[in-house]
Amino acid sequence: MTETSTINRIAVMLIPTEACLEWINSCDDDKMTLDKAQQEPTVFLLPEGQDEPRDQLRHHFKAMFVEELNSWYTDPALWPKDLSFATFEKFFTIHVSTMVFDLGFGKIVKDEEVAR
């Protein structure tokens, strides 16, 4: 059996909640269902560190929140006014994993590297 390697990242999966769905549907006449909104949750990889995963999440939540809102509507005027951690927690069910396995082969390439 081949040994599977882990990578030095924390995985955070954000799954939209009813609160997020209400916001999505308040911005558009085409109504989204919760099942559809949750179909492809976003996964963020955070750096491992000395901090607990929850502390890492609190440190990086704003970037994740903005990325998620922007994936739905690119106009910040449509975004919620309150972008606090409390609102972030209302908008998403958050799954954190410190065990991240890389089952792929070859180098991981970031989008900006492909564009060069």
PDB file of N, CA and C in Angstrom:
ATOM      1  N   MET A   1       0.849  -1.181   0.000  1.00  0.00           N
ATOM      2  CA  MET A   1       0.000   0.000   0.000  1.00  0.00           C
ATOM      3  C   MET A   1       0.891   1.240   0.000  1.00  0.00           C
ATOM      4  N   THR A   2       0.546   2.213  -0.810  1.00  0.00           N
ATOM      5  CA  THR A   2       1.305   3.449  -0.922  1.00  0.00           C
ATOM      6  C   THR A   2       0.888   4.409   0.189  1.00  0.00           C
ATOM      7  N   GLU A   3       1.868   5.098   0.740  1.00  0.00           N
ATOM      8  CA  GLU A   3       1.579   6.080   1.786  1.00  0.00           C
ATOM      9  C   GLU A   3       1.012   7.351   1.152  1.00  0.00           C
ATOM     10  N   THR A   4      -0.089   7.816   1.682  1.00  0.00           N
ATOM     11  CA  THR A   4      -0.707   9.049   1.202  1.00  0.00           C
ATOM     12  C   THR A   4      -0.146  10.209   2.012  1.00  0.00           C
ATOM     13  N   SER A   5       0.223  11.271   1.317  1.00  0.00           N
ATOM     14  CA  SER A   5       0.844  12.388   2.026  1.00  0.00           C
ATOM     15  C   SER A   5      -0.186  13.464   2.372  1.00  0.00           C
ATOM     16  N   THR A   6       0.025  14.055   3.532  1.00  0.00           N
ATOM     17  CA  THR A   6      -0.794  15.197   3.924  1.00  0.00           C
ATOM     18  C   THR A   6      -0.062  16.461   3.500  1.00  0.00           C
ATOM     19  N   ILE A   7      -0.800  17.561   3.418  1.00  0.00           N
ATOM     20  CA  ILE A   7      -0.170  18.843   3.116  1.00  0.00           C
ATOM     21  C   ILE A   7      -0.332  19.767   4.315  1.00  0.00           C
ATOM     22  N   ASN A   8       0.527  20.750   4.395  1.00  0.00           N
ATOM     23  CA  ASN A   8       0.563  21.640   5.553  1.00  0.00           C
ATOM     24  C   ASN A   8      -0.463  22.770   5.426  1.00  0.00           C
ATOM     25  N   ARG A   9      -1.704  22.388   5.371  1.00  0.00           N
ATOM     26  CA  ARG A   9      -2.809  23.341   5.276  1.00  0.00           C
ATOM     27  C   ARG A   9      -3.960  22.862   6.151  1.00  0.00           C
ATOM     28  N   ILE A  10      -4.824  23.806   6.477  1.00  0.00           N
ATOM     29  CA  ILE A  10      -6.092  23.534   7.144  1.00  0.00           C
ATOM     30  C   ILE A  10      -7.173  23.770   6.100  1.00  0.00           C
ATOM     31  N   ALA A  11      -8.078  22.827   5.923  1.00  0.00           N
ATOM     32  CA  ALA A  11      -9.164  22.984   4.960  1.00  0.00           C
ATOM     33  C   ALA A  11     -10.399  23.524   5.676  1.00  0.00           C
ATOM     34  N   VAL A  12     -11.001  24.543   5.072  1.00  0.00           N
ATOM     35  CA  VAL A  12     -12.232  25.133   5.597  1.00  0.00           C
ATOM     36  C   VAL A  12     -13.273  25.079   4.485  1.00  0.00           C
ATOM     37  N   MET A  13     -14.373  24.378   4.746  1.00  0.00           N
ATOM     38  CA  MET A  13     -15.470  24.292   3.784  1.00  0.00           C
ATOM     39  C   MET A  13     -16.612  25.172   4.279  1.00  0.00           C
ATOM     40  N   LEU A  14     -17.105  26.049   3.401  1.00  0.00           N
ATOM     41  CA  LEU A  14     -18.201  26.949   3.734  1.00  0.00           C
ATOM     42  C   LEU A  14     -19.459  26.502   2.995  1.00  0.00           C
ATOM     43  N   ILE A  15     -20.479  26.163   3.761  1.00  0.00           N
ATOM     44  CA  ILE A  15     -21.741  25.710   3.191  1.00  0.00           C
ATOM     45  C   ILE A  15     -22.805  26.755   3.508  1.00  0.00           C
ATOM     46  N   PRO A  16     -23.414  27.357   2.485  1.00  0.00           N
ATOM     47  CA  PRO A  16     -24.415  28.401   2.726  1.00  0.00           C
ATOM     48  C   PRO A  16     -25.570  27.905   3.603  1.00  0.00           C
ATOM     49  N   THR A  17     -26.045  28.805   4.483  1.00  0.00           N
ATOM     50  CA  THR A  17     -27.180  28.522   5.360  1.00  0.00           C
ATOM     51  C   THR A  17     -28.414  29.255   4.851  1.00  0.00           C
ATOM     52  N   GLU A  18     -29.511  29.109   5.574  1.00  0.00           N
ATOM     53  CA  GLU A  18     -30.746  29.832   5.244  1.00  0.00           C
ATOM     54  C   GLU A  18     -30.513  31.350   5.240  1.00  0.00           C
ATOM     55  N   ALA A  19     -29.699  31.855   6.181  1.00  0.00           N
ATOM     56  CA  ALA A  19     -29.424  33.297   6.238  1.00  0.00           C
ATOM     57  C   ALA A  19     -28.727  33.759   4.963  1.00  0.00           C
ATOM     58  N   CYS A  20     -27.782  32.973   4.486  1.00  0.00           N
ATOM     59  CA  CYS A  20     -27.097  33.295   3.234  1.00  0.00           C
ATOM     60  C   CYS A  20     -28.081  33.241   2.068  1.00  0.00           C
ATOM     61  N   LEU A  21     -28.924  32.219   2.053  1.00  0.00           N
ATOM     62  CA  LEU A  21     -29.921  32.086   0.997  1.00  0.00           C
ATOM     63  C   LEU A  21     -30.869  33.279   0.968  1.00  0.00           C
ATOM     64  N   GLU A  22     -31.290  33.739   2.131  1.00  0.00           N
ATOM     65  CA  GLU A  22     -32.169  34.916   2.192  1.00  0.00           C
ATOM     66  C   GLU A  22     -31.485  36.117   1.547  1.00  0.00           C
ATOM     67  N   TRP A  23     -30.200  36.300   1.846  1.00  0.00           N
ATOM     68  CA  TRP A  23     -29.460  37.413   1.235  1.00  0.00           C
ATOM     69  C   TRP A  23     -29.370  37.235  -0.276  1.00  0.00           C
ATOM     70  N   ILE A  24     -29.001  36.031  -0.734  1.00  0.00           N
ATOM     71  CA  ILE A  24     -28.887  35.763  -2.172  1.00  0.00           C
ATOM     72  C   ILE A  24     -30.198  36.107  -2.870  1.00  0.00           C
ATOM     73  N   ASN A  25     -31.303  35.632  -2.305  1.00  0.00           N
ATOM     74  CA  ASN A  25     -32.610  35.836  -2.933  1.00  0.00           C
ATOM     75  C   ASN A  25     -33.115  37.269  -2.813  1.00  0.00           C
ATOM     76  N   SER A  26     -32.582  38.031  -1.856  1.00  0.00           N
ATOM     77  CA  SER A  26     -32.990  39.434  -1.740  1.00  0.00           C
ATOM     78  C   SER A  26     -32.366  40.304  -2.831  1.00  0.00           C
ATOM     79  N   CYS A  27     -31.344  39.791  -3.485  1.00  0.00           N
ATOM     80  CA  CYS A  27     -30.614  40.564  -4.501  1.00  0.00           C
ATOM     81  C   CYS A  27     -31.061  40.267  -5.927  1.00  0.00           C
ATOM     82  N   ASP A  28     -31.909  39.273  -6.097  1.00  0.00           N
ATOM     83  CA  ASP A  28     -32.239  38.834  -7.449  1.00  0.00           C
ATOM     84  C   ASP A  28     -33.672  38.315  -7.484  1.00  0.00           C
ATOM     85  N   ASP A  29     -34.336  38.529  -8.620  1.00  0.00           N
ATOM     86  CA  ASP A  29     -35.706  38.032  -8.773  1.00  0.00           C
ATOM     87  C   ASP A  29     -35.746  36.525  -9.018  1.00  0.00           C
ATOM     88  N   ASP A  30     -34.675  35.974  -9.596  1.00  0.00           N
ATOM     89  CA  ASP A  30     -34.595  34.526  -9.801  1.00  0.00           C
ATOM     90  C   ASP A  30     -34.255  33.879  -8.467  1.00  0.00           C
ATOM     91  N   LYS A  31     -35.175  33.140  -7.909  1.00  0.00           N
ATOM     92  CA  LYS A  31     -35.002  32.575  -6.570  1.00  0.00           C
ATOM     93  C   LYS A  31     -34.173  31.294  -6.603  1.00  0.00           C
ATOM     94  N   MET A  32     -33.240  31.232  -5.680  1.00  0.00           N
ATOM     95  CA  MET A  32     -32.344  30.093  -5.500  1.00  0.00           C
ATOM     96  C   MET A  32     -32.924  29.224  -4.396  1.00  0.00           C
ATOM     97  N   THR A  33     -32.688  27.921  -4.477  1.00  0.00           N
ATOM     98  CA  THR A  33     -33.077  27.022  -3.391  1.00  0.00           C
ATOM     99  C   THR A  33     -31.841  26.743  -2.533  1.00  0.00           C
ATOM    100  N   LEU A  34     -32.064  26.316  -1.305  1.00  0.00           N
ATOM    101  CA  LEU A  34     -30.948  26.002  -0.420  1.00  0.00           C
ATOM    102  C   LEU A  34     -30.145  24.827  -0.969  1.00  0.00           C
ATOM    103  N   ASP A  35     -30.832  23.815  -1.496  1.00  0.00           N
ATOM    104  CA  ASP A  35     -30.122  22.670  -2.082  1.00  0.00           C
ATOM    105  C   ASP A  35     -29.183  23.112  -3.198  1.00  0.00           C
ATOM    106  N   LYS A  36     -29.658  23.989  -4.047  1.00  0.00           N
ATOM    107  CA  LYS A  36     -28.841  24.482  -5.167  1.00  0.00           C
ATOM    108  C   LYS A  36     -27.665  25.317  -4.653  1.00  0.00           C
ATOM    109  N   ALA A  37     -27.909  26.177  -3.660  1.00  0.00           N
ATOM    110  CA  ALA A  37     -26.846  27.020  -3.110  1.00  0.00           C
ATOM    111  C   ALA A  37     -25.765  26.187  -2.431  1.00  0.00           C
ATOM    112  N   GLN A  38     -26.152  25.042  -1.889  1.00  0.00           N
ATOM    113  CA  GLN A  38     -25.206  24.192  -1.169  1.00  0.00           C
ATOM    114  C   GLN A  38     -24.546  23.135  -2.048  1.00  0.00           C
ATOM    115  N   GLN A  39     -24.901  23.118  -3.308  1.00  0.00           N
ATOM    116  CA  GLN A  39     -24.462  22.048  -4.200  1.00  0.00           C
ATOM    117  C   GLN A  39     -22.939  21.946  -4.340  1.00  0.00           C
ATOM    118  N   GLU A  40     -22.250  23.062  -4.453  1.00  0.00           N
ATOM    119  CA  GLU A  40     -20.793  23.051  -4.614  1.00  0.00           C
ATOM    120  C   GLU A  40     -20.163  23.998  -3.599  1.00  0.00           C
ATOM    121  N   PRO A  41     -20.022  23.548  -2.353  1.00  0.00           N
ATOM    122  CA  PRO A  41     -19.446  24.436  -1.336  1.00  0.00           C
ATOM    123  C   PRO A  41     -17.990  24.786  -1.652  1.00  0.00           C
ATOM    124  N   THR A  42     -17.602  25.950  -1.209  1.00  0.00           N
ATOM    125  CA  THR A  42     -16.233  26.419  -1.413  1.00  0.00           C
ATOM    126  C   THR A  42     -15.327  25.865  -0.329  1.00  0.00           C
ATOM    127  N   VAL A  43     -14.111  25.504  -0.727  1.00  0.00           N
ATOM    128  CA  VAL A  43     -13.102  25.040   0.221  1.00  0.00           C
ATOM    129  C   VAL A  43     -11.921  26.010   0.161  1.00  0.00           C
ATOM    130  N   PHE A  44     -11.523  26.493   1.312  1.00  0.00           N
ATOM    131  CA  PHE A  44     -10.359  27.363   1.436  1.00  0.00           C
ATOM    132  C   PHE A  44      -9.268  26.598   2.169  1.00  0.00           C
ATOM    133  N   LEU A  45      -8.038  26.789   1.748  1.00  0.00           N
ATOM    134  CA  LEU A  45      -6.897  26.209   2.431  1.00  0.00           C
ATOM    135  C   LEU A  45      -6.176  27.311   3.189  1.00  0.00           C
ATOM    136  N   LEU A  46      -6.085  27.135   4.485  1.00  0.00           N
ATOM    137  CA  LEU A  46      -5.416  28.107   5.341  1.00  0.00           C
ATOM    138  C   LEU A  46      -4.067  27.551   5.769  1.00  0.00           C
ATOM    139  N   PRO A  47      -3.111  28.429   6.063  1.00  0.00           N
ATOM    140  CA  PRO A  47      -1.806  27.933   6.504  1.00  0.00           C
ATOM    141  C   PRO A  47      -1.897  27.269   7.868  1.00  0.00           C
ATOM    142  N   GLU A  48      -1.116  26.211   8.025  1.00  0.00           N
ATOM    143  CA  GLU A  48      -0.971  25.642   9.355  1.00  0.00           C
ATOM    144  C   GLU A  48      -0.131  26.612  10.173  1.00  0.00           C
ATOM    145  N   GLY A  49      -0.321  26.583  11.442  1.00  0.00           N
ATOM    146  CA  GLY A  49       0.474  27.468  12.275  1.00  0.00           C
ATOM    147  C   GLY A  49       0.427  27.029  13.719  1.00  0.00           C
ATOM    148  N   GLN A  50       0.942  27.888  14.557  1.00  0.00           N
ATOM    149  CA  GLN A  50       0.945  27.625  15.989  1.00  0.00           C
ATOM    150  C   GLN A  50      -0.459  27.774  16.568  1.00  0.00           C
ATOM    151  N   ASP A  51      -1.288  28.573  15.901  1.00  0.00           N
ATOM    152  CA  ASP A  51      -2.631  28.854  16.402  1.00  0.00           C
ATOM    153  C   ASP A  51      -3.554  27.655  16.222  1.00  0.00           C
ATOM    154  N   GLU A  52      -4.603  27.638  17.007  1.00  0.00           N
ATOM    155  CA  GLU A  52      -5.662  26.647  16.845  1.00  0.00           C
ATOM    156  C   GLU A  52      -6.388  26.930  15.523  1.00  0.00           C
ATOM    157  N   PRO A  53      -6.965  25.906  14.889  1.00  0.00           N
ATOM    158  CA  PRO A  53      -7.699  26.132  13.641  1.00  0.00           C
ATOM    159  C   PRO A  53      -8.770  27.217  13.761  1.00  0.00           C
ATOM    160  N   ARG A  54      -9.450  27.279  14.899  1.00  0.00           N
ATOM    161  CA  ARG A  54     -10.494  28.298  15.087  1.00  0.00           C
ATOM    162  C   ARG A  54      -9.880  29.711  15.046  1.00  0.00           C
ATOM    163  N   ASP A  55      -8.677  29.871  15.608  1.00  0.00           N
ATOM    164  CA  ASP A  55      -7.998  31.167  15.564  1.00  0.00           C
ATOM    165  C   ASP A  55      -7.589  31.517  14.139  1.00  0.00           C
ATOM    166  N   GLN A  56      -7.126  30.524  13.392  1.00  0.00           N
ATOM    167  CA  GLN A  56      -6.783  30.742  11.985  1.00  0.00           C
ATOM    168  C   GLN A  56      -8.036  31.179  11.206  1.00  0.00           C
ATOM    169  N   LEU A  57      -9.146  30.534  11.493  1.00  0.00           N
ATOM    170  CA  LEU A  57     -10.402  30.882  10.841  1.00  0.00           C
ATOM    171  C   LEU A  57     -10.772  32.330  11.134  1.00  0.00           C
ATOM    172  N   ARG A  58     -10.677  32.745  12.383  1.00  0.00           N
ATOM    173  CA  ARG A  58     -11.007  34.129  12.754  1.00  0.00           C
ATOM    174  C   ARG A  58     -10.061  35.119  12.079  1.00  0.00           C
ATOM    175  N   HIS A  59      -8.820  34.719  11.888  1.00  0.00           N
ATOM    176  CA  HIS A  59      -7.835  35.603  11.262  1.00  0.00           C
ATOM    177  C   HIS A  59      -8.125  35.802   9.769  1.00  0.00           C
ATOM    178  N   HIS A  60      -8.642  34.767   9.105  1.00  0.00           N
ATOM    179  CA  HIS A  60      -8.828  34.791   7.652  1.00  0.00           C
ATOM    180  C   HIS A  60     -10.285  34.916   7.201  1.00  0.00           C
ATOM    181  N   PHE A  61     -11.228  35.007   8.143  1.00  0.00           N
ATOM    182  CA  PHE A  61     -12.641  34.951   7.752  1.00  0.00           C
ATOM    183  C   PHE A  61     -13.043  36.052   6.786  1.00  0.00           C
ATOM    184  N   LYS A  62     -12.499  37.260   6.948  1.00  0.00           N
ATOM    185  CA  LYS A  62     -12.918  38.397   6.122  1.00  0.00           C
ATOM    186  C   LYS A  62     -12.616  38.132   4.645  1.00  0.00           C
ATOM    187  N   ALA A  63     -11.428  37.616   4.353  1.00  0.00           N
ATOM    188  CA  ALA A  63     -11.067  37.307   2.967  1.00  0.00           C
ATOM    189  C   ALA A  63     -11.994  36.227   2.397  1.00  0.00           C
ATOM    190  N   MET A  64     -12.308  35.227   3.211  1.00  0.00           N
ATOM    191  CA  MET A  64     -13.204  34.165   2.760  1.00  0.00           C
ATOM    192  C   MET A  64     -14.614  34.703   2.539  1.00  0.00           C
ATOM    193  N   PHE A  65     -15.073  35.549   3.464  1.00  0.00           N
ATOM    194  CA  PHE A  65     -16.413  36.117   3.376  1.00  0.00           C
ATOM    195  C   PHE A  65     -16.554  36.951   2.106  1.00  0.00           C
ATOM    196  N   VAL A  66     -15.589  37.828   1.862  1.00  0.00           N
ATOM    197  CA  VAL A  66     -15.623  38.680   0.671  1.00  0.00           C
ATOM    198  C   VAL A  66     -15.586  37.835  -0.600  1.00  0.00           C
ATOM    199  N   GLU A  67     -14.764  36.816  -0.618  1.00  0.00           N
ATOM    200  CA  GLU A  67     -14.684  35.934  -1.787  1.00  0.00           C
ATOM    201  C   GLU A  67     -16.029  35.255  -2.049  1.00  0.00           C
ATOM    202  N   GLU A  68     -16.668  34.776  -0.996  1.00  0.00           N
ATOM    203  CA  GLU A  68     -17.973  34.125  -1.149  1.00  0.00           C
ATOM    204  C   GLU A  68     -19.038  35.102  -1.640  1.00  0.00           C
ATOM    205  N   LEU A  69     -19.111  36.281  -1.026  1.00  0.00           N
ATOM    206  CA  LEU A  69     -20.098  37.275  -1.456  1.00  0.00           C
ATOM    207  C   LEU A  69     -19.867  37.666  -2.902  1.00  0.00           C
ATOM    208  N   ASN A  70     -18.610  37.869  -3.268  1.00  0.00           N
ATOM    209  CA  ASN A  70     -18.253  38.252  -4.629  1.00  0.00           C
ATOM    210  C   ASN A  70     -18.580  37.154  -5.639  1.00  0.00           C
ATOM    211  N   SER A  71     -18.562  35.900  -5.189  1.00  0.00           N
ATOM    212  CA  SER A  71     -18.903  34.807  -6.108  1.00  0.00           C
ATOM    213  C   SER A  71     -20.392  34.821  -6.459  1.00  0.00           C
ATOM    214  N   TRP A  72     -21.202  35.427  -5.593  1.00  0.00           N
ATOM    215  CA  TRP A  72     -22.634  35.551  -5.871  1.00  0.00           C
ATOM    216  C   TRP A  72     -22.954  36.848  -6.587  1.00  0.00           C
ATOM    217  N   TYR A  73     -22.449  37.955  -6.063  1.00  0.00           N
ATOM    218  CA  TYR A  73     -22.715  39.277  -6.638  1.00  0.00           C
ATOM    219  C   TYR A  73     -21.457  40.120  -6.547  1.00  0.00           C
ATOM    220  N   THR A  74     -20.988  40.601  -7.691  1.00  0.00           N
ATOM    221  CA  THR A  74     -19.728  41.342  -7.719  1.00  0.00           C
ATOM    222  C   THR A  74     -19.865  42.795  -7.267  1.00  0.00           C
ATOM    223  N   ASP A  75     -21.067  43.285  -7.136  1.00  0.00           N
ATOM    224  CA  ASP A  75     -21.292  44.665  -6.699  1.00  0.00           C
ATOM    225  C   ASP A  75     -21.342  44.712  -5.171  1.00  0.00           C
ATOM    226  N   PRO A  76     -20.320  45.286  -4.518  1.00  0.00           N
ATOM    227  CA  PRO A  76     -20.300  45.341  -3.053  1.00  0.00           C
ATOM    228  C   PRO A  76     -21.491  46.092  -2.445  1.00  0.00           C
ATOM    229  N   ALA A  77     -22.161  46.914  -3.236  1.00  0.00           N
ATOM    230  CA  ALA A  77     -23.347  47.616  -2.732  1.00  0.00           C
ATOM    231  C   ALA A  77     -24.470  46.632  -2.379  1.00  0.00           C
ATOM    232  N   LEU A  78     -24.435  45.444  -2.973  1.00  0.00           N
ATOM    233  CA  LEU A  78     -25.450  44.421  -2.687  1.00  0.00           C
ATOM    234  C   LEU A  78     -25.107  43.564  -1.479  1.00  0.00           C
ATOM    235  N   TRP A  79     -23.882  43.650  -1.021  1.00  0.00           N
ATOM    236  CA  TRP A  79     -23.432  42.816   0.090  1.00  0.00           C
ATOM    237  C   TRP A  79     -24.028  43.289   1.405  1.00  0.00           C
ATOM    238  N   PRO A  80     -24.116  42.406   2.379  1.00  0.00           N
ATOM    239  CA  PRO A  80     -24.577  42.834   3.710  1.00  0.00           C
ATOM    240  C   PRO A  80     -23.657  43.930   4.254  1.00  0.00           C
ATOM    241  N   LYS A  81     -24.229  44.842   4.984  1.00  0.00           N
ATOM    242  CA  LYS A  81     -23.427  45.934   5.574  1.00  0.00           C
ATOM    243  C   LYS A  81     -22.533  45.415   6.690  1.00  0.00           C
ATOM    244  N   ASP A  82     -23.010  44.424   7.418  1.00  0.00           N
ATOM    245  CA  ASP A  82     -22.273  43.867   8.550  1.00  0.00           C
ATOM    246  C   ASP A  82     -21.463  42.658   8.079  1.00  0.00           C
ATOM    247  N   LEU A  83     -20.159  42.843   7.955  1.00  0.00           N
ATOM    248  CA  LEU A  83     -19.283  41.750   7.533  1.00  0.00           C
ATOM    249  C   LEU A  83     -18.475  41.216   8.711  1.00  0.00           C
ATOM    250  N   SER A  84     -19.127  41.145   9.856  1.00  0.00           N
ATOM    251  CA  SER A  84     -18.470  40.673  11.079  1.00  0.00           C
ATOM    252  C   SER A  84     -18.351  39.155  11.088  1.00  0.00           C
ATOM    253  N   PHE A  85     -17.572  38.656  12.025  1.00  0.00           N
ATOM    254  CA  PHE A  85     -17.429  37.210  12.193  1.00  0.00           C
ATOM    255  C   PHE A  85     -18.775  36.581  12.559  1.00  0.00           C
ATOM    256  N   ALA A  86     -19.572  37.301  13.337  1.00  0.00           N
ATOM    257  CA  ALA A  86     -20.893  36.784  13.721  1.00  0.00           C
ATOM    258  C   ALA A  86     -21.780  36.589  12.486  1.00  0.00           C
ATOM    259  N   THR A  87     -21.755  37.539  11.570  1.00  0.00           N
ATOM    260  CA  THR A  87     -22.542  37.412  10.338  1.00  0.00           C
ATOM    261  C   THR A  87     -21.994  36.269   9.488  1.00  0.00           C
ATOM    262  N   PHE A  88     -20.684  36.165   9.402  1.00  0.00           N
ATOM    263  CA  PHE A  88     -20.028  35.075   8.672  1.00  0.00           C
ATOM    264  C   PHE A  88     -20.529  33.722   9.194  1.00  0.00           C
ATOM    265  N   GLU A  89     -20.578  33.592  10.510  1.00  0.00           N
ATOM    266  CA  GLU A  89     -21.046  32.335  11.111  1.00  0.00           C
ATOM    267  C   GLU A  89     -22.527  32.088  10.857  1.00  0.00           C
ATOM    268  N   LYS A  90     -23.317  33.150  10.707  1.00  0.00           N
ATOM    269  CA  LYS A  90     -24.741  32.985  10.385  1.00  0.00           C
ATOM    270  C   LYS A  90     -24.929  32.556   8.928  1.00  0.00           C
ATOM    271  N   PHE A  91     -24.051  33.041   8.055  1.00  0.00           N
ATOM    272  CA  PHE A  91     -24.174  32.789   6.619  1.00  0.00           C
ATOM    273  C   PHE A  91     -23.688  31.403   6.196  1.00  0.00           C
ATOM    274  N   PHE A  92     -22.822  30.780   7.010  1.00  0.00           N
ATOM    275  CA  PHE A  92     -22.218  29.520   6.583  1.00  0.00           C
ATOM    276  C   PHE A  92     -22.148  28.496   7.704  1.00  0.00           C
ATOM    277  N   THR A  93     -22.408  27.250   7.348  1.00  0.00           N
ATOM    278  CA  THR A  93     -22.011  26.134   8.191  1.00  0.00           C
ATOM    279  C   THR A  93     -20.546  25.929   7.849  1.00  0.00           C
ATOM    280  N   ILE A  94     -19.704  25.897   8.867  1.00  0.00           N
ATOM    281  CA  ILE A  94     -18.259  25.883   8.650  1.00  0.00           C
ATOM    282  C   ILE A  94     -17.689  24.543   9.110  1.00  0.00           C
ATOM    283  N   HIS A  95     -17.049  23.852   8.182  1.00  0.00           N
ATOM    284  CA  HIS A  95     -16.369  22.601   8.499  1.00  0.00           C
ATOM    285  C   HIS A  95     -14.867  22.840   8.383  1.00  0.00           C
ATOM    286  N   VAL A  96     -14.133  22.496   9.439  1.00  0.00           N
ATOM    287  CA  VAL A  96     -12.681  22.675   9.467  1.00  0.00           C
ATOM    288  C   VAL A  96     -12.023  21.307   9.596  1.00  0.00           C
ATOM    289  N   SER A  97     -10.988  21.084   8.793  1.00  0.00           N
ATOM    290  CA  SER A  97     -10.232  19.842   8.891  1.00  0.00           C
ATOM    291  C   SER A  97      -8.739  20.149   8.879  1.00  0.00           C
ATOM    292  N   THR A  98      -8.036  19.558   9.827  1.00  0.00           N
ATOM    293  CA  THR A  98      -6.590  19.722   9.876  1.00  0.00           C
ATOM    294  C   THR A  98      -5.879  18.585   9.142  1.00  0.00           C
ATOM    295  N   MET A  99      -6.635  17.621   8.684  1.00  0.00           N
ATOM    296  CA  MET A  99      -6.057  16.504   7.925  1.00  0.00           C
ATOM    297  C   MET A  99      -6.404  16.702   6.452  1.00  0.00           C
ATOM    298  N   VAL A 100      -5.450  17.209   5.686  1.00  0.00           N
ATOM    299  CA  VAL A 100      -5.652  17.464   4.265  1.00  0.00           C
ATOM    300  C   VAL A 100      -4.688  16.575   3.492  1.00  0.00           C
ATOM    301  N   PHE A 101      -5.229  15.667   2.694  1.00  0.00           N
ATOM    302  CA  PHE A 101      -4.423  14.728   1.933  1.00  0.00           C
ATOM    303  C   PHE A 101      -4.355  15.165   0.479  1.00  0.00           C
ATOM    304  N   ASP A 102      -3.202  15.018  -0.118  1.00  0.00           N
ATOM    305  CA  ASP A 102      -3.013  15.321  -1.533  1.00  0.00           C
ATOM    306  C   ASP A 102      -2.907  13.994  -2.283  1.00  0.00           C
ATOM    307  N   LEU A 103      -3.948  13.643  -3.008  1.00  0.00           N
ATOM    308  CA  LEU A 103      -3.969  12.395  -3.761  1.00  0.00           C
ATOM    309  C   LEU A 103      -3.555  12.601  -5.221  1.00  0.00           C
ATOM    310  N   GLY A 104      -3.265  13.852  -5.561  1.00  0.00           N
ATOM    311  CA  GLY A 104      -2.862  14.160  -6.928  1.00  0.00           C
ATOM    312  C   GLY A 104      -1.379  13.930  -7.149  1.00  0.00           C
ATOM    313  N   PHE A 105      -0.994  14.044  -8.400  1.00  0.00           N
ATOM    314  CA  PHE A 105       0.400  13.913  -8.789  1.00  0.00           C
ATOM    315  C   PHE A 105       0.846  15.230  -9.406  1.00  0.00           C
ATOM    316  N   GLY A 106       2.092  15.538  -9.295  1.00  0.00           N
ATOM    317  CA  GLY A 106       2.617  16.753  -9.910  1.00  0.00           C
ATOM    318  C   GLY A 106       2.434  17.958  -9.017  1.00  0.00           C
ATOM    319  N   LYS A 107       2.911  19.054  -9.529  1.00  0.00           N
ATOM    320  CA  LYS A 107       2.902  20.325  -8.806  1.00  0.00           C
ATOM    321  C   LYS A 107       1.487  20.908  -8.746  1.00  0.00           C
ATOM    322  N   ILE A 108       1.139  21.490  -7.623  1.00  0.00           N
ATOM    323  CA  ILE A 108      -0.111  22.239  -7.511  1.00  0.00           C
ATOM    324  C   ILE A 108       0.133  23.611  -8.122  1.00  0.00           C
ATOM    325  N   VAL A 109      -0.718  24.012  -9.059  1.00  0.00           N
ATOM    326  CA  VAL A 109      -0.538  25.270  -9.778  1.00  0.00           C
ATOM    327  C   VAL A 109      -1.674  26.219  -9.412  1.00  0.00           C
ATOM    328  N   LYS A 110      -1.311  27.417  -8.960  1.00  0.00           N
ATOM    329  CA  LYS A 110      -2.304  28.453  -8.653  1.00  0.00           C
ATOM    330  C   LYS A 110      -2.732  29.134  -9.946  1.00  0.00           C
ATOM    331  N   ASP A 111      -3.962  29.684  -9.974  1.00  0.00           N
ATOM    332  CA  ASP A 111      -4.492  30.338 -11.172  1.00  0.00           C
ATOM    333  C   ASP A 111      -3.545  31.396 -11.720  1.00  0.00           C
ATOM    334  N   GLU A 112      -2.935  32.221 -10.861  1.00  0.00           N
ATOM    335  CA  GLU A 112      -2.062  33.291 -11.350  1.00  0.00           C
ATOM    336  C   GLU A 112      -0.818  32.731 -12.037  1.00  0.00           C
ATOM    337  N   GLU A 113      -0.389  31.512 -11.673  1.00  0.00           N
ATOM    338  CA  GLU A 113       0.755  30.884 -12.335  1.00  0.00           C
ATOM    339  C   GLU A 113       0.373  30.437 -13.744  1.00  0.00           C
ATOM    340  N   VAL A 114      -0.876  29.993 -13.923  1.00  0.00           N
ATOM    341  CA  VAL A 114      -1.345  29.545 -15.228  1.00  0.00           C
ATOM    342  C   VAL A 114      -1.441  30.730 -16.186  1.00  0.00           C
ATOM    343  N   ALA A 115      -1.842  31.893 -15.679  1.00  0.00           N
ATOM    344  CA  ALA A 115      -2.046  33.075 -16.501  1.00  0.00           C
ATOM    345  C   ALA A 115      -0.747  33.656 -17.056  1.00  0.00           C
ATOM    346  N   ARG A 116       0.363  33.333 -16.445  1.00  0.00           N
ATOM    347  CA  ARG A 116       1.661  33.905 -16.906  1.00  0.00           C
ATOM    348  C   ARG A 116       2.085  33.364 -18.233  1.00  0.00           C
TER     349      ARG A 116
END
